[in-house]
Amino acid sequence: MAKQALRSLAVVSVVLLLQAGCATVGSRPQAGAAPAVVKELVKTTESWDGERLPPYPQAQPEVTIRRICIPAGTRLDLHRHPVINAGVLISGQLTVVTASGKTLHLQAGDPIVEVVNTLHYGINEGKVPAEIIVFYAGTVGTPLNTSD
């Protein structure tokens, strides 16, 4: 159930955030309106560091969507996510680094399937704020992130 909700949210976010340069999907636009478009940014069973995503727990799904703004020059604290989450960097740049040193550099428009239960941090080494929209597919009562 949570997996289906995450897929639905991803499709909606792509349509809203990245309309230009997308493939047309089946739709019935009203007279003079453009058809809906979808561009698949990522489809995977692994997080960005190559680790397999964990199975969904058997509990009440809870989907959370956050728009996060990280000021230029800011480094986030070391943390981990106990739930599967994915996002799209909508502006700026962001570098994500795991405690073991694996690194991912993101530019505006890049998707990320975040690491789960792995200590990491993000840093905005750019000159403008980095804004990312993140979709969390968790369960009721489970925190979205923790610091250890």
C-alpha atoms as a PDB file:
ATOM      1  CA  MET A   1       0.000   0.000   0.000  1.00  0.00           C
ATOM      2  CA  ALA A   2       2.754   2.470   0.937  1.00  0.00           C
ATOM      3  CA  LYS A   3       4.685   1.470  -2.174  1.00  0.00           C
ATOM      4  CA  GLN A   4       1.700   2.283  -4.376  1.00  0.00           C
ATOM      5  CA  ALA A   5       1.186   5.605  -2.571  1.00  0.00           C
ATOM      6  CA  LEU A   6       4.852   6.517  -3.083  1.00  0.00           C
ATOM      7  CA  ARG A   7       4.606   5.747  -6.794  1.00  0.00           C
ATOM      8  CA  SER A   8       1.469   7.869  -7.125  1.00  0.00           C
ATOM      9  CA  LEU A   9       3.091  10.781  -5.305  1.00  0.00           C
ATOM     10  CA  ALA A  10       6.187  10.524  -7.467  1.00  0.00           C
ATOM     11  CA  VAL A  11       4.120  10.738 -10.650  1.00  0.00           C
ATOM     12  CA  VAL A  12       2.205  13.762  -9.379  1.00  0.00           C
ATOM     13  CA  SER A  13       5.408  15.501  -8.281  1.00  0.00           C
ATOM     14  CA  VAL A  14       7.050  14.944 -11.641  1.00  0.00           C
ATOM     15  CA  VAL A  15       4.087  16.431 -13.464  1.00  0.00           C
ATOM     16  CA  LEU A  16       4.019  19.462 -11.170  1.00  0.00           C
ATOM     17  CA  LEU A  17       7.752  20.092 -10.903  1.00  0.00           C
ATOM     18  CA  LEU A  18       9.259  19.088 -14.207  1.00  0.00           C
ATOM     19  CA  GLN A  19       6.773  19.725 -16.963  1.00  0.00           C
ATOM     20  CA  ALA A  20       9.234  20.705 -19.721  1.00  0.00           C
ATOM     21  CA  GLY A  21      10.880  17.978 -21.770  1.00  0.00           C
ATOM     22  CA  CYS A  22       8.535  15.181 -20.719  1.00  0.00           C
ATOM     23  CA  ALA A  23       6.917  12.410 -22.713  1.00  0.00           C
ATOM     24  CA  THR A  24       3.174  12.595 -23.323  1.00  0.00           C
ATOM     25  CA  VAL A  25       0.925  10.160 -21.449  1.00  0.00           C
ATOM     26  CA  GLY A  26      -2.642   9.156 -22.220  1.00  0.00           C
ATOM     27  CA  SER A  27      -5.020  11.970 -21.330  1.00  0.00           C
ATOM     28  CA  ARG A  28      -8.045  13.831 -22.590  1.00  0.00           C
ATOM     29  CA  PRO A  29      -7.192  17.524 -22.416  1.00  0.00           C
ATOM     30  CA  GLN A  30      -9.976  20.032 -22.668  1.00  0.00           C
ATOM     31  CA  ALA A  31     -10.129  22.065 -25.862  1.00  0.00           C
ATOM     32  CA  GLY A  32      -6.955  24.132 -26.206  1.00  0.00           C
ATOM     33  CA  ALA A  33      -5.254  22.508 -23.191  1.00  0.00           C
ATOM     34  CA  ALA A  34      -1.996  20.605 -23.373  1.00  0.00           C
ATOM     35  CA  PRO A  35      -1.938  16.880 -22.532  1.00  0.00           C
ATOM     36  CA  ALA A  36      -0.506  15.659 -19.227  1.00  0.00           C
ATOM     37  CA  VAL A  37       3.147  14.618 -19.382  1.00  0.00           C
ATOM     38  CA  VAL A  38       5.340  12.346 -17.266  1.00  0.00           C
ATOM     39  CA  LYS A  39       9.101  11.949 -17.174  1.00  0.00           C
ATOM     40  CA  GLU A  40      10.322   9.023 -15.102  1.00  0.00           C
ATOM     41  CA  LEU A  41      13.261  10.262 -13.039  1.00  0.00           C
ATOM     42  CA  VAL A  42      14.152   7.026 -11.318  1.00  0.00           C
ATOM     43  CA  LYS A  43      12.798   3.511 -10.847  1.00  0.00           C
ATOM     44  CA  THR A  44      14.885   1.324  -8.595  1.00  0.00           C
ATOM     45  CA  THR A  45      15.041  -1.224  -5.806  1.00  0.00           C
ATOM     46  CA  GLU A  46      18.249   0.332  -4.454  1.00  0.00           C
ATOM     47  CA  SER A  47      19.217   3.531  -2.656  1.00  0.00           C
ATOM     48  CA  TRP A  48      21.748   5.881  -4.270  1.00  0.00           C
ATOM     49  CA  ASP A  49      24.673   4.055  -2.631  1.00  0.00           C
ATOM     50  CA  GLY A  50      23.719   0.745  -4.284  1.00  0.00           C
ATOM     51  CA  GLU A  51      22.207  -0.889  -1.192  1.00  0.00           C
ATOM     52  CA  ARG A  52      18.937  -2.798  -1.593  1.00  0.00           C
ATOM     53  CA  LEU A  53      15.897  -1.022  -0.133  1.00  0.00           C
ATOM     54  CA  PRO A  54      14.353  -2.813   2.869  1.00  0.00           C
ATOM     55  CA  PRO A  55      10.919  -4.442   2.673  1.00  0.00           C
ATOM     56  CA  TYR A  56       7.975  -2.360   3.834  1.00  0.00           C
ATOM     57  CA  PRO A  57       6.843  -3.159   7.372  1.00  0.00           C
ATOM     58  CA  GLN A  58       3.380  -4.595   7.996  1.00  0.00           C
ATOM     59  CA  ALA A  59       1.823  -1.545   9.635  1.00  0.00           C
ATOM     60  CA  GLN A  60      -0.446   1.403   8.826  1.00  0.00           C
ATOM     61  CA  PRO A  61       1.293   3.354   6.025  1.00  0.00           C
ATOM     62  CA  GLU A  62       1.943   7.037   6.513  1.00  0.00           C
ATOM     63  CA  VAL A  63       3.167   9.228   3.669  1.00  0.00           C
ATOM     64  CA  THR A  64       4.887  12.527   4.453  1.00  0.00           C
ATOM     65  CA  ILE A  65       6.016  15.133   1.913  1.00  0.00           C
ATOM     66  CA  ARG A  66       8.494  17.802   2.954  1.00  0.00           C
ATOM     67  CA  ARG A  67       9.961  20.774   1.129  1.00  0.00           C
ATOM     68  CA  ILE A  68      13.392  21.328   2.703  1.00  0.00           C
ATOM     69  CA  CYS A  69      15.506  24.448   2.177  1.00  0.00           C
ATOM     70  CA  ILE A  70      19.213  24.180   3.026  1.00  0.00           C
ATOM     71  CA  PRO A  71      20.976  27.569   3.044  1.00  0.00           C
ATOM     72  CA  ALA A  72      24.236  28.021   1.128  1.00  0.00           C
ATOM     73  CA  GLY A  73      27.213  26.835   3.161  1.00  0.00           C
ATOM     74  CA  THR A  74      25.100  24.726   5.534  1.00  0.00           C
ATOM     75  CA  ARG A  75      25.984  21.188   6.587  1.00  0.00           C
ATOM     76  CA  LEU A  76      23.204  19.075   8.064  1.00  0.00           C
ATOM     77  CA  ASP A  77      23.882  16.985  11.155  1.00  0.00           C
ATOM     78  CA  LEU A  78      24.781  13.310  10.801  1.00  0.00           C
ATOM     79  CA  HIS A  79      21.506  11.366  10.734  1.00  0.00           C
ATOM     80  CA  ARG A  80      19.736   8.285   9.401  1.00  0.00           C
ATOM     81  CA  HIS A  81      16.293   7.589   7.962  1.00  0.00           C
ATOM     82  CA  PRO A  82      14.459   4.501   9.275  1.00  0.00           C
ATOM     83  CA  VAL A  83      11.936   4.779   6.411  1.00  0.00           C
ATOM     84  CA  ILE A  84      12.246   4.682   2.638  1.00  0.00           C
ATOM     85  CA  ASN A  85      12.303   8.151   1.109  1.00  0.00           C
ATOM     86  CA  ALA A  86      13.009   9.744  -2.227  1.00  0.00           C
ATOM     87  CA  GLY A  87      13.179  13.285  -3.487  1.00  0.00           C
ATOM     88  CA  VAL A  88      13.956  15.723  -6.257  1.00  0.00           C
ATOM     89  CA  LEU A  89      16.352  18.635  -5.811  1.00  0.00           C
ATOM     90  CA  ILE A  90      14.395  21.522  -7.291  1.00  0.00           C
ATOM     91  CA  SER A  91      17.039  24.229  -6.965  1.00  0.00           C
ATOM     92  CA  GLY A  92      20.675  24.685  -5.993  1.00  0.00           C
ATOM     93  CA  GLN A  93      23.126  21.879  -5.382  1.00  0.00           C
ATOM     94  CA  LEU A  94      23.546  19.334  -2.612  1.00  0.00           C
ATOM     95  CA  THR A  95      26.170  16.767  -1.694  1.00  0.00           C
ATOM     96  CA  VAL A  96      25.196  13.724   0.373  1.00  0.00           C
ATOM     97  CA  VAL A  97      27.941  11.804   2.201  1.00  0.00           C
ATOM     98  CA  THR A  98      27.624   8.564   4.185  1.00  0.00           C
ATOM     99  CA  ALA A  99      29.633   7.911   7.347  1.00  0.00           C
ATOM    100  CA  SER A 100      31.680   5.423   5.298  1.00  0.00           C
ATOM    101  CA  GLY A 101      32.556   8.132   2.741  1.00  0.00           C
ATOM    102  CA  LYS A 102      30.256   7.289  -0.188  1.00  0.00           C
ATOM    103  CA  THR A 103      29.323  10.566  -1.884  1.00  0.00           C
ATOM    104  CA  LEU A 104      26.540  11.740  -4.188  1.00  0.00           C
ATOM    105  CA  HIS A 105      26.508  15.180  -5.855  1.00  0.00           C
ATOM    106  CA  LEU A 106      23.090  16.531  -6.855  1.00  0.00           C
ATOM    107  CA  GLN A 107      22.193  19.447  -9.142  1.00  0.00           C
ATOM    108  CA  ALA A 108      18.766  21.020  -9.595  1.00  0.00           C
ATOM    109  CA  GLY A 109      16.421  18.498 -11.233  1.00  0.00           C
ATOM    110  CA  ASP A 110      18.289  15.424  -9.967  1.00  0.00           C
ATOM    111  CA  PRO A 111      16.340  12.701  -8.153  1.00  0.00           C
ATOM    112  CA  ILE A 112      17.601  10.842  -5.093  1.00  0.00           C
ATOM    113  CA  VAL A 113      16.507   7.563  -3.519  1.00  0.00           C
ATOM    114  CA  GLU A 114      17.902   8.081  -0.046  1.00  0.00           C
ATOM    115  CA  VAL A 115      19.882   5.597   2.025  1.00  0.00           C
ATOM    116  CA  VAL A 116      17.887   3.808   4.737  1.00  0.00           C
ATOM    117  CA  ASN A 117      19.308   3.193   8.234  1.00  0.00           C
ATOM    118  CA  THR A 118      22.696   4.508   7.110  1.00  0.00           C
ATOM    119  CA  LEU A 119      24.376   7.450   8.852  1.00  0.00           C
ATOM    120  CA  HIS A 120      24.913  10.336   6.425  1.00  0.00           C
ATOM    121  CA  TYR A 121      24.751  14.102   6.090  1.00  0.00           C
ATOM    122  CA  GLY A 122      23.984  16.636   3.401  1.00  0.00           C
ATOM    123  CA  ILE A 123      25.974  19.762   2.643  1.00  0.00           C
ATOM    124  CA  ASN A 124      25.172  22.706   0.408  1.00  0.00           C
ATOM    125  CA  GLU A 125      28.541  23.830  -0.928  1.00  0.00           C
ATOM    126  CA  GLY A 126      26.890  26.211  -3.388  1.00  0.00           C
ATOM    127  CA  LYS A 127      26.211  29.924  -3.264  1.00  0.00           C
ATOM    128  CA  VAL A 128      22.389  29.698  -3.282  1.00  0.00           C
ATOM    129  CA  PRO A 129      19.910  27.763  -1.109  1.00  0.00           C
ATOM    130  CA  ALA A 130      19.277  24.132  -2.046  1.00  0.00           C
ATOM    131  CA  GLU A 131      15.604  23.180  -2.088  1.00  0.00           C
ATOM    132  CA  ILE A 132      14.493  19.578  -2.175  1.00  0.00           C
ATOM    133  CA  ILE A 133      11.069  17.968  -2.025  1.00  0.00           C
ATOM    134  CA  VAL A 134      11.229  14.635  -0.212  1.00  0.00           C
ATOM    135  CA  PHE A 135       8.552  11.909  -0.082  1.00  0.00           C
ATOM    136  CA  TYR A 136       8.724   9.591   2.936  1.00  0.00           C
ATOM    137  CA  ALA A 137       6.904   6.231   2.826  1.00  0.00           C
ATOM    138  CA  GLY A 138       6.804   5.292   6.491  1.00  0.00           C
ATOM    139  CA  THR A 139       4.389   3.951   9.040  1.00  0.00           C
ATOM    140  CA  VAL A 140       2.421   5.700  11.770  1.00  0.00           C
ATOM    141  CA  GLY A 141       4.666   6.400  14.763  1.00  0.00           C
ATOM    142  CA  THR A 142       7.973   5.821  12.961  1.00  0.00           C
ATOM    143  CA  PRO A 143      10.281   8.874  12.916  1.00  0.00           C
ATOM    144  CA  LEU A 144      11.425  10.140   9.523  1.00  0.00           C
ATOM    145  CA  ASN A 145      15.000  10.659  10.701  1.00  0.00           C
ATOM    146  CA  THR A 146      17.096  10.097  13.801  1.00  0.00           C
ATOM    147  CA  SER A 147      20.530  11.217  14.931  1.00  0.00           C
ATOM    148  CA  ASP A 148      22.848   8.769  16.668  1.00  0.00           C
END
